[in-house]
Amino acid sequence: MTRRHSCRNASPLFSVPRLSLLRAAGALLTWLVWLPAHAHASMFKGETLDKVADVLAWVVLVIAPMVGIAVFWVVHILPEKIAEKREHPQAKAIQTLCLLSLLFGGMLWPLAWLWAYSKPVLYRLAYGTDKVPHGHEDTARLPDPGDPQELQRLRQRVAELESQLADPSAAKGAKA
């Protein structure tokens, strides 16, 4: 016994087999896709399009590489600036590593970054501090030994130290 499907209660629209409905919808979509329409590749036309293309070429070929190189350089000197700001005692070595990182395409940059943020523990053990003021190395000058005033001051200081060694009670009084 075969089962018959009854369409008595269905509306006339749904009485058409589903396959023909799908074919009709596909034909309609195909017709809409192939319907001729105006295609615009750009919002500019004529001379304006040429001018925009020229400007875009200059930006892509000249300005973008210059900006890229400048950003690459600024990012690679950041560890050096951080080390100077934090008064890191090995700032010159970090600066050298930053320069080497520029030459090696940035492979050493993470090491310089970590080094700039590290605390120099062994330096602190050796020198008692982990900070060194930067920027004053070039301006600091040693006293000139040929200067008569400096020579007189040094002789006076040596005489004070010799008198303290000769008289231990004077040394205790000088400390207090």
N, C-alpha and C. Protein backbone atom coordinates (compact mmCIF):
# COMPACT_ATOMS: atom_id res chain seq x y z
N MET A 1 0.82 -1.15 0.00
CA MET A 1 0.00 0.00 0.00
C MET A 1 0.88 1.24 0.00
N THR A 2 0.64 2.06 -0.91
CA THR A 2 1.42 3.28 -1.01
C THR A 2 0.69 4.41 -0.31
N ARG A 3 1.43 5.24 0.18
CA ARG A 3 0.88 6.35 0.93
C ARG A 3 0.74 7.53 0.01
N ARG A 4 -0.38 8.15 0.02
CA ARG A 4 -0.62 9.30 -0.84
C ARG A 4 -0.56 10.56 -0.01
N HIS A 5 0.03 11.54 -0.64
CA HIS A 5 0.15 12.80 0.07
C HIS A 5 -0.98 13.70 -0.36
N SER A 6 -1.64 14.19 0.60
CA SER A 6 -2.82 14.99 0.31
C SER A 6 -2.46 16.46 0.39
N CYS A 7 -2.91 17.24 -0.58
CA CYS A 7 -2.67 18.67 -0.62
C CYS A 7 -3.99 19.41 -0.54
N ARG A 8 -4.98 18.81 0.05
CA ARG A 8 -6.29 19.47 0.10
C ARG A 8 -6.27 20.75 0.90
N ASN A 9 -5.56 20.78 2.01
CA ASN A 9 -5.58 21.94 2.89
C ASN A 9 -4.51 22.97 2.51
N ALA A 10 -3.65 22.65 1.58
CA ALA A 10 -2.57 23.56 1.21
C ALA A 10 -3.09 24.62 0.26
N SER A 11 -2.46 25.78 0.29
CA SER A 11 -2.85 26.86 -0.61
C SER A 11 -2.33 26.55 -2.01
N PRO A 12 -2.89 27.21 -3.03
CA PRO A 12 -2.45 26.90 -4.39
C PRO A 12 -0.97 27.18 -4.63
N LEU A 13 -0.36 28.13 -3.87
CA LEU A 13 1.05 28.45 -4.07
C LEU A 13 1.94 27.28 -3.70
N PHE A 14 1.58 26.60 -2.63
CA PHE A 14 2.40 25.49 -2.17
C PHE A 14 2.04 24.17 -2.82
N SER A 15 1.08 24.19 -3.71
CA SER A 15 0.72 22.95 -4.38
C SER A 15 1.72 22.62 -5.49
N VAL A 16 2.51 23.60 -5.93
CA VAL A 16 3.54 23.37 -6.94
C VAL A 16 4.66 22.61 -6.26
N PRO A 17 5.20 21.64 -6.90
CA PRO A 17 6.29 20.89 -6.27
C PRO A 17 7.46 21.80 -5.92
N ARG A 18 8.16 21.44 -4.88
CA ARG A 18 9.25 22.27 -4.35
C ARG A 18 10.39 22.43 -5.35
N LEU A 19 10.67 21.46 -6.12
CA LEU A 19 11.77 21.53 -7.08
C LEU A 19 11.55 22.64 -8.09
N SER A 20 10.35 22.80 -8.57
CA SER A 20 10.10 23.87 -9.53
C SER A 20 10.19 25.24 -8.87
N LEU A 21 9.86 25.35 -7.57
CA LEU A 21 10.02 26.62 -6.85
C LEU A 21 11.50 26.98 -6.73
N LEU A 22 12.32 26.00 -6.45
CA LEU A 22 13.76 26.25 -6.33
C LEU A 22 14.35 26.66 -7.67
N ARG A 23 13.87 26.03 -8.73
CA ARG A 23 14.35 26.39 -10.07
C ARG A 23 13.96 27.83 -10.43
N ALA A 24 12.74 28.19 -10.07
CA ALA A 24 12.28 29.54 -10.37
C ALA A 24 13.09 30.58 -9.58
N ALA A 25 13.36 30.28 -8.31
CA ALA A 25 14.15 31.21 -7.49
C ALA A 25 15.57 31.32 -8.03
N GLY A 26 16.16 30.19 -8.46
CA GLY A 26 17.51 30.20 -9.03
C GLY A 26 17.55 31.01 -10.31
N ALA A 27 16.53 30.86 -11.14
CA ALA A 27 16.48 31.61 -12.39
C ALA A 27 16.37 33.11 -12.11
N LEU A 28 15.58 33.48 -11.12
CA LEU A 28 15.42 34.89 -10.75
C LEU A 28 16.74 35.47 -10.24
N LEU A 29 17.43 34.72 -9.38
CA LEU A 29 18.73 35.20 -8.87
C LEU A 29 19.77 35.32 -9.99
N THR A 30 19.78 34.36 -10.89
CA THR A 30 20.71 34.42 -12.02
C THR A 30 20.43 35.65 -12.88
N TRP A 31 19.16 35.90 -13.13
CA TRP A 31 18.79 37.06 -13.94
C TRP A 31 19.20 38.36 -13.25
N LEU A 32 19.06 38.43 -11.89
CA LEU A 32 19.46 39.64 -11.15
C LEU A 32 20.97 39.84 -11.15
N VAL A 33 21.70 38.74 -11.07
CA VAL A 33 23.16 38.85 -11.07
C VAL A 33 23.66 39.34 -12.42
N TRP A 34 23.10 38.85 -13.50
CA TRP A 34 23.57 39.20 -14.83
C TRP A 34 22.93 40.47 -15.37
N LEU A 35 22.08 41.07 -14.58
CA LEU A 35 21.45 42.31 -14.99
C LEU A 35 22.51 43.39 -15.13
N PRO A 36 22.61 44.06 -16.24
CA PRO A 36 23.67 45.05 -16.40
C PRO A 36 23.48 46.20 -15.40
N ALA A 37 24.59 46.58 -14.79
CA ALA A 37 24.60 47.69 -13.84
C ALA A 37 25.88 48.49 -14.07
N HIS A 38 25.88 49.71 -13.62
CA HIS A 38 27.06 50.55 -13.76
C HIS A 38 28.06 50.18 -12.67
N ALA A 39 29.25 49.84 -13.08
CA ALA A 39 30.31 49.50 -12.13
C ALA A 39 31.28 50.67 -12.06
N HIS A 40 31.63 51.06 -10.86
CA HIS A 40 32.57 52.17 -10.65
C HIS A 40 33.79 51.63 -9.90
N ALA A 41 34.95 51.71 -10.53
CA ALA A 41 36.17 51.27 -9.89
C ALA A 41 36.70 52.34 -8.95
N SER A 42 36.35 53.58 -9.17
CA SER A 42 36.84 54.67 -8.34
C SER A 42 35.79 55.78 -8.31
N MET A 43 35.87 56.57 -7.26
CA MET A 43 34.95 57.69 -7.19
C MET A 43 35.50 58.89 -7.97
N PHE A 44 36.75 58.77 -8.45
CA PHE A 44 37.37 59.84 -9.23
C PHE A 44 37.32 59.50 -10.71
N LYS A 45 37.37 60.53 -11.55
CA LYS A 45 37.34 60.32 -12.99
C LYS A 45 38.33 61.26 -13.67
N GLY A 46 38.87 60.82 -14.78
CA GLY A 46 39.71 61.66 -15.63
C GLY A 46 40.99 62.12 -14.97
N GLU A 47 41.25 63.42 -15.03
CA GLU A 47 42.47 64.01 -14.49
C GLU A 47 42.57 63.85 -12.97
N THR A 48 41.44 63.89 -12.31
CA THR A 48 41.46 63.73 -10.84
C THR A 48 41.96 62.35 -10.48
N LEU A 49 41.54 61.34 -11.21
CA LEU A 49 42.00 59.97 -10.96
C LEU A 49 43.51 59.87 -11.17
N ASP A 50 44.03 60.51 -12.22
CA ASP A 50 45.47 60.50 -12.46
C ASP A 50 46.24 61.19 -11.34
N LYS A 51 45.73 62.30 -10.88
CA LYS A 51 46.40 63.04 -9.80
C LYS A 51 46.40 62.23 -8.50
N VAL A 52 45.27 61.61 -8.17
CA VAL A 52 45.19 60.78 -6.96
C VAL A 52 46.15 59.59 -7.07
N ALA A 53 46.25 58.98 -8.24
CA ALA A 53 47.17 57.86 -8.45
C ALA A 53 48.62 58.31 -8.29
N ASP A 54 48.96 59.50 -8.80
CA ASP A 54 50.32 60.03 -8.64
C ASP A 54 50.66 60.27 -7.17
N VAL A 55 49.74 60.88 -6.45
CA VAL A 55 49.98 61.15 -5.02
C VAL A 55 50.11 59.84 -4.25
N LEU A 56 49.25 58.88 -4.54
CA LEU A 56 49.30 57.60 -3.85
C LEU A 56 50.61 56.87 -4.14
N ALA A 57 51.11 56.98 -5.38
CA ALA A 57 52.39 56.36 -5.72
C ALA A 57 53.53 56.99 -4.92
N TRP A 58 53.54 58.31 -4.80
CA TRP A 58 54.58 58.98 -4.01
C TRP A 58 54.50 58.55 -2.55
N VAL A 59 53.30 58.47 -2.03
CA VAL A 59 53.15 58.08 -0.62
C VAL A 59 53.66 56.67 -0.40
N VAL A 60 53.28 55.74 -1.29
CA VAL A 60 53.65 54.34 -1.11
C VAL A 60 55.14 54.11 -1.37
N LEU A 61 55.71 54.77 -2.36
CA LEU A 61 57.09 54.51 -2.74
C LEU A 61 58.13 55.33 -1.98
N VAL A 62 57.76 56.50 -1.49
CA VAL A 62 58.75 57.37 -0.85
C VAL A 62 58.43 57.61 0.63
N ILE A 63 57.26 58.09 0.92
CA ILE A 63 56.95 58.52 2.28
C ILE A 63 56.79 57.34 3.23
N ALA A 64 56.09 56.29 2.83
CA ALA A 64 55.87 55.14 3.71
C ALA A 64 57.19 54.47 4.12
N PRO A 65 58.15 54.23 3.20
CA PRO A 65 59.42 53.65 3.65
C PRO A 65 60.19 54.57 4.61
N MET A 66 60.15 55.88 4.36
CA MET A 66 60.85 56.80 5.27
C MET A 66 60.23 56.77 6.65
N VAL A 67 58.90 56.76 6.72
CA VAL A 67 58.23 56.69 8.02
C VAL A 67 58.52 55.35 8.68
N GLY A 68 58.53 54.27 7.90
CA GLY A 68 58.83 52.95 8.46
C GLY A 68 60.23 52.88 9.04
N ILE A 69 61.20 53.44 8.34
CA ILE A 69 62.59 53.44 8.84
C ILE A 69 62.69 54.29 10.10
N ALA A 70 62.02 55.44 10.12
CA ALA A 70 62.07 56.31 11.30
C ALA A 70 61.44 55.62 12.51
N VAL A 71 60.31 54.95 12.31
CA VAL A 71 59.66 54.24 13.43
C VAL A 71 60.54 53.10 13.91
N PHE A 72 61.15 52.36 12.98
CA PHE A 72 62.07 51.27 13.33
C PHE A 72 63.22 51.80 14.18
N TRP A 73 63.78 52.94 13.79
CA TRP A 73 64.90 53.52 14.52
C TRP A 73 64.46 53.99 15.91
N VAL A 74 63.32 54.68 15.99
CA VAL A 74 62.84 55.19 17.28
C VAL A 74 62.56 54.04 18.25
N VAL A 75 61.97 52.99 17.75
CA VAL A 75 61.67 51.84 18.62
C VAL A 75 62.96 51.20 19.09
N HIS A 76 63.99 51.19 18.26
CA HIS A 76 65.23 50.54 18.65
C HIS A 76 66.10 51.37 19.59
N ILE A 77 65.85 52.65 19.72
CA ILE A 77 66.62 53.41 20.71
C ILE A 77 65.84 53.56 22.02
N LEU A 78 64.64 53.03 22.09
CA LEU A 78 63.87 53.11 23.34
C LEU A 78 64.59 52.48 24.53
N PRO A 79 65.19 51.28 24.42
CA PRO A 79 65.89 50.74 25.59
C PRO A 79 67.01 51.65 26.09
N GLU A 80 67.69 52.31 25.17
CA GLU A 80 68.76 53.25 25.57
C GLU A 80 68.18 54.41 26.38
N LYS A 81 67.08 54.97 25.91
CA LYS A 81 66.44 56.08 26.62
C LYS A 81 65.92 55.64 27.97
N ILE A 82 65.36 54.44 28.04
CA ILE A 82 64.85 53.91 29.31
C ILE A 82 65.99 53.72 30.29
N ALA A 83 67.13 53.20 29.82
CA ALA A 83 68.28 52.98 30.70
C ALA A 83 68.80 54.31 31.24
N GLU A 84 68.85 55.35 30.41
CA GLU A 84 69.30 56.65 30.90
C GLU A 84 68.32 57.24 31.89
N LYS A 85 67.03 57.07 31.64
CA LYS A 85 66.02 57.61 32.55
C LYS A 85 66.07 56.91 33.91
N ARG A 86 66.30 55.62 33.89
CA ARG A 86 66.35 54.85 35.14
C ARG A 86 67.74 54.89 35.77
N GLU A 87 68.67 55.65 35.20
CA GLU A 87 70.05 55.79 35.67
C GLU A 87 70.74 54.44 35.81
N HIS A 88 70.59 53.63 34.77
CA HIS A 88 71.19 52.30 34.74
C HIS A 88 72.69 52.44 34.60
N PRO A 89 73.49 51.72 35.41
CA PRO A 89 74.95 51.89 35.33
C PRO A 89 75.55 51.33 34.05
N GLN A 90 74.84 50.49 33.34
CA GLN A 90 75.36 49.91 32.11
C GLN A 90 74.67 50.49 30.88
N ALA A 91 74.31 51.75 30.96
CA ALA A 91 73.57 52.40 29.86
C ALA A 91 74.37 52.43 28.56
N LYS A 92 75.67 52.61 28.64
CA LYS A 92 76.50 52.63 27.43
C LYS A 92 76.51 51.26 26.74
N ALA A 93 76.54 50.20 27.53
CA ALA A 93 76.48 48.86 26.95
C ALA A 93 75.12 48.59 26.32
N ILE A 94 74.07 49.07 26.95
CA ILE A 94 72.72 48.93 26.39
C ILE A 94 72.62 49.72 25.09
N GLN A 95 73.24 50.90 25.05
CA GLN A 95 73.25 51.70 23.82
C GLN A 95 73.96 50.94 22.70
N THR A 96 75.06 50.30 23.01
CA THR A 96 75.79 49.51 22.02
C THR A 96 74.94 48.35 21.51
N LEU A 97 74.23 47.69 22.43
CA LEU A 97 73.37 46.59 22.02
C LEU A 97 72.23 47.08 21.14
N CYS A 98 71.72 48.27 21.40
CA CYS A 98 70.67 48.85 20.55
C CYS A 98 71.20 49.11 19.14
N LEU A 99 72.42 49.63 19.03
CA LEU A 99 73.02 49.86 17.71
C LEU A 99 73.26 48.55 16.97
N LEU A 100 73.71 47.54 17.71
CA LEU A 100 73.90 46.23 17.08
C LEU A 100 72.56 45.65 16.63
N SER A 101 71.53 45.90 17.40
CA SER A 101 70.20 45.42 17.04
C SER A 101 69.72 46.06 15.74
N LEU A 102 70.05 47.33 15.53
CA LEU A 102 69.71 47.98 14.26
C LEU A 102 70.39 47.28 13.09
N LEU A 103 71.64 46.87 13.29
CA LEU A 103 72.38 46.21 12.22
C LEU A 103 71.88 44.80 11.96
N PHE A 104 71.42 44.11 13.01
CA PHE A 104 70.97 42.73 12.87
C PHE A 104 69.46 42.62 12.67
N GLY A 105 68.81 43.70 12.27
CA GLY A 105 67.40 43.64 11.93
C GLY A 105 66.47 43.50 13.11
N GLY A 106 66.89 43.90 14.28
CA GLY A 106 66.00 43.90 15.43
C GLY A 106 66.03 42.64 16.27
N MET A 107 66.92 41.71 15.97
CA MET A 107 66.92 40.46 16.72
C MET A 107 67.44 40.64 18.14
N LEU A 108 68.28 41.62 18.38
CA LEU A 108 68.84 41.84 19.72
C LEU A 108 68.03 42.82 20.54
N TRP A 109 67.03 43.45 19.94
CA TRP A 109 66.25 44.48 20.61
C TRP A 109 65.54 43.98 21.87
N PRO A 110 64.93 42.79 21.87
CA PRO A 110 64.31 42.32 23.12
C PRO A 110 65.31 42.17 24.26
N LEU A 111 66.53 41.76 23.95
CA LEU A 111 67.55 41.65 24.99
C LEU A 111 67.90 43.02 25.57
N ALA A 112 68.02 44.02 24.70
CA ALA A 112 68.31 45.37 25.17
C ALA A 112 67.16 45.89 26.03
N TRP A 113 65.93 45.60 25.63
CA TRP A 113 64.75 46.04 26.39
C TRP A 113 64.75 45.41 27.79
N LEU A 114 65.00 44.10 27.86
CA LEU A 114 65.04 43.42 29.16
C LEU A 114 66.19 43.94 30.02
N TRP A 115 67.33 44.17 29.40
CA TRP A 115 68.50 44.65 30.12
C TRP A 115 68.25 46.06 30.69
N ALA A 116 67.55 46.89 29.92
CA ALA A 116 67.27 48.26 30.39
C ALA A 116 66.35 48.25 31.60
N TYR A 117 65.44 47.28 31.68
CA TYR A 117 64.51 47.21 32.80
C TYR A 117 65.03 46.37 33.97
N SER A 118 66.18 45.71 33.81
CA SER A 118 66.69 44.86 34.89
C SER A 118 67.40 45.71 35.94
N LYS A 119 67.47 45.14 37.14
CA LYS A 119 68.22 45.79 38.23
C LYS A 119 69.61 45.18 38.24
N PRO A 120 70.65 45.98 38.17
CA PRO A 120 72.01 45.45 38.15
C PRO A 120 72.46 45.01 39.54
N VAL A 121 72.18 43.78 39.90
CA VAL A 121 72.45 43.27 41.25
C VAL A 121 73.95 43.20 41.52
N LEU A 122 74.71 42.66 40.59
CA LEU A 122 76.16 42.53 40.81
C LEU A 122 76.83 43.90 40.89
N TYR A 123 76.35 44.86 40.12
CA TYR A 123 76.89 46.21 40.19
C TYR A 123 76.64 46.80 41.57
N ARG A 124 75.46 46.54 42.12
CA ARG A 124 75.14 47.05 43.46
C ARG A 124 76.03 46.40 44.51
N LEU A 125 76.30 45.11 44.36
CA LEU A 125 77.19 44.44 45.30
C LEU A 125 78.60 45.03 45.24
N ALA A 126 79.06 45.37 44.04
CA ALA A 126 80.42 45.88 43.88
C ALA A 126 80.56 47.34 44.29
N TYR A 127 79.57 48.18 43.93
CA TYR A 127 79.72 49.62 44.13
C TYR A 127 78.77 50.21 45.16
N GLY A 128 77.85 49.40 45.68
CA GLY A 128 76.95 49.90 46.72
C GLY A 128 75.74 50.64 46.20
N THR A 129 75.59 50.79 44.92
CA THR A 129 74.44 51.47 44.35
C THR A 129 74.10 50.82 43.02
N ASP A 130 72.85 50.96 42.61
CA ASP A 130 72.48 50.43 41.31
C ASP A 130 72.05 51.54 40.36
N LYS A 131 72.35 52.80 40.72
CA LYS A 131 72.01 53.94 39.86
C LYS A 131 73.24 54.82 39.68
N VAL A 132 73.41 55.30 38.48
CA VAL A 132 74.50 56.21 38.16
C VAL A 132 73.90 57.36 37.37
N PRO A 133 74.09 58.61 37.81
CA PRO A 133 73.53 59.73 37.03
C PRO A 133 74.20 59.82 35.67
N HIS A 134 73.39 60.02 34.64
CA HIS A 134 73.90 60.09 33.28
C HIS A 134 73.83 61.51 32.76
N GLY A 135 74.66 61.79 31.76
CA GLY A 135 74.65 63.10 31.14
C GLY A 135 75.64 64.05 31.75
N HIS A 136 76.30 63.65 32.84
CA HIS A 136 77.26 64.54 33.49
C HIS A 136 78.70 64.07 33.30
N GLU A 137 78.88 62.97 32.58
CA GLU A 137 80.23 62.44 32.41
C GLU A 137 81.10 63.38 31.59
N ASP A 138 80.52 64.01 30.59
CA ASP A 138 81.32 64.87 29.71
C ASP A 138 81.67 66.20 30.38
N THR A 139 80.80 66.70 31.26
CA THR A 139 81.04 67.99 31.87
C THR A 139 81.88 67.90 33.13
N ALA A 140 81.93 66.74 33.77
CA ALA A 140 82.72 66.59 34.99
C ALA A 140 84.20 66.59 34.63
N ARG A 141 84.95 67.44 35.32
CA ARG A 141 86.38 67.54 35.04
C ARG A 141 87.15 67.25 36.31
N LEU A 142 88.27 66.60 36.14
CA LEU A 142 89.17 66.37 37.26
C LEU A 142 89.93 67.67 37.54
N PRO A 143 90.27 67.90 38.81
CA PRO A 143 91.03 69.13 39.11
C PRO A 143 92.40 69.10 38.45
N ASP A 144 92.84 70.26 38.03
CA ASP A 144 94.14 70.39 37.38
C ASP A 144 95.23 70.36 38.45
N PRO A 145 96.14 69.37 38.39
CA PRO A 145 97.18 69.29 39.43
C PRO A 145 98.18 70.44 39.35
N GLY A 146 98.25 71.14 38.24
CA GLY A 146 99.17 72.27 38.13
C GLY A 146 98.60 73.57 38.69
N ASP A 147 97.34 73.57 39.10
CA ASP A 147 96.69 74.75 39.66
C ASP A 147 97.24 75.01 41.06
N PRO A 148 97.79 76.22 41.32
CA PRO A 148 98.39 76.48 42.64
C PRO A 148 97.38 76.41 43.80
N GLN A 149 96.15 76.83 43.58
CA GLN A 149 95.15 76.77 44.65
C GLN A 149 94.80 75.32 44.97
N GLU A 150 94.69 74.52 43.95
CA GLU A 150 94.36 73.10 44.15
C GLU A 150 95.52 72.41 44.84
N LEU A 151 96.73 72.75 44.46
CA LEU A 151 97.91 72.15 45.09
C LEU A 151 97.99 72.53 46.57
N GLN A 152 97.71 73.77 46.89
CA GLN A 152 97.71 74.22 48.28
C GLN A 152 96.64 73.50 49.11
N ARG A 153 95.43 73.31 48.50
CA ARG A 153 94.35 72.62 49.21
C ARG A 153 94.72 71.16 49.47
N LEU A 154 95.35 70.52 48.50
CA LEU A 154 95.75 69.12 48.68
C LEU A 154 96.84 68.99 49.74
N ARG A 155 97.79 69.92 49.77
CA ARG A 155 98.85 69.88 50.80
C ARG A 155 98.27 70.07 52.20
N GLN A 156 97.28 70.95 52.30
CA GLN A 156 96.63 71.18 53.59
C GLN A 156 95.88 69.93 54.04
N ARG A 157 95.22 69.26 53.11
CA ARG A 157 94.47 68.04 53.46
C ARG A 157 95.43 66.93 53.89
N VAL A 158 96.58 66.79 53.21
CA VAL A 158 97.58 65.78 53.59
C VAL A 158 98.13 66.09 54.99
N ALA A 159 98.36 67.35 55.29
CA ALA A 159 98.86 67.72 56.62
C ALA A 159 97.83 67.38 57.70
N GLU A 160 96.54 67.59 57.43
CA GLU A 160 95.49 67.23 58.40
C GLU A 160 95.47 65.73 58.65
N LEU A 161 95.58 64.95 57.58
CA LEU A 161 95.56 63.49 57.73
C LEU A 161 96.79 62.99 58.48
N GLU A 162 97.96 63.59 58.24
CA GLU A 162 99.17 63.18 58.95
C GLU A 162 99.07 63.52 60.43
N SER A 163 98.49 64.67 60.76
CA SER A 163 98.35 65.03 62.18
C SER A 163 97.36 64.10 62.87
N GLN A 164 96.33 63.64 62.15
CA GLN A 164 95.38 62.70 62.74
C GLN A 164 96.03 61.35 62.99
N LEU A 165 96.93 60.93 62.10
CA LEU A 165 97.63 59.66 62.30
C LEU A 165 98.62 59.76 63.46
N ALA A 166 99.24 60.90 63.60
CA ALA A 166 100.23 61.08 64.67
C ALA A 166 99.56 61.17 66.03
N ASP A 167 98.41 61.76 66.11
CA ASP A 167 97.72 61.96 67.40
C ASP A 167 96.35 61.27 67.32
N PRO A 168 96.25 60.02 67.85
CA PRO A 168 94.97 59.31 67.76
C PRO A 168 93.84 60.00 68.52
N SER A 169 94.12 60.74 69.56
CA SER A 169 93.05 61.43 70.29
C SER A 169 92.46 62.56 69.45
N ALA A 170 93.29 63.20 68.60
CA ALA A 170 92.80 64.26 67.71
C ALA A 170 91.89 63.67 66.64
N ALA A 171 92.19 62.43 66.24
CA ALA A 171 91.36 61.79 65.22
C ALA A 171 89.97 61.49 65.77
N LYS A 172 89.90 61.07 67.06
CA LYS A 172 88.59 60.80 67.67
C LYS A 172 87.79 62.09 67.84
N GLY A 173 88.46 63.16 68.17
CA GLY A 173 87.79 64.45 68.32
C GLY A 173 87.31 65.00 66.98
N ALA A 174 88.06 64.70 65.92
CA ALA A 174 87.67 65.17 64.59
C ALA A 174 86.44 64.41 64.08
N LYS A 175 86.30 63.14 64.48
CA LYS A 175 85.15 62.34 64.06
C LYS A 175 83.88 62.79 64.77
N ALA A 176 84.00 63.21 66.02
CA ALA A 176 82.83 63.57 66.81
C ALA A 176 82.30 64.90 66.43
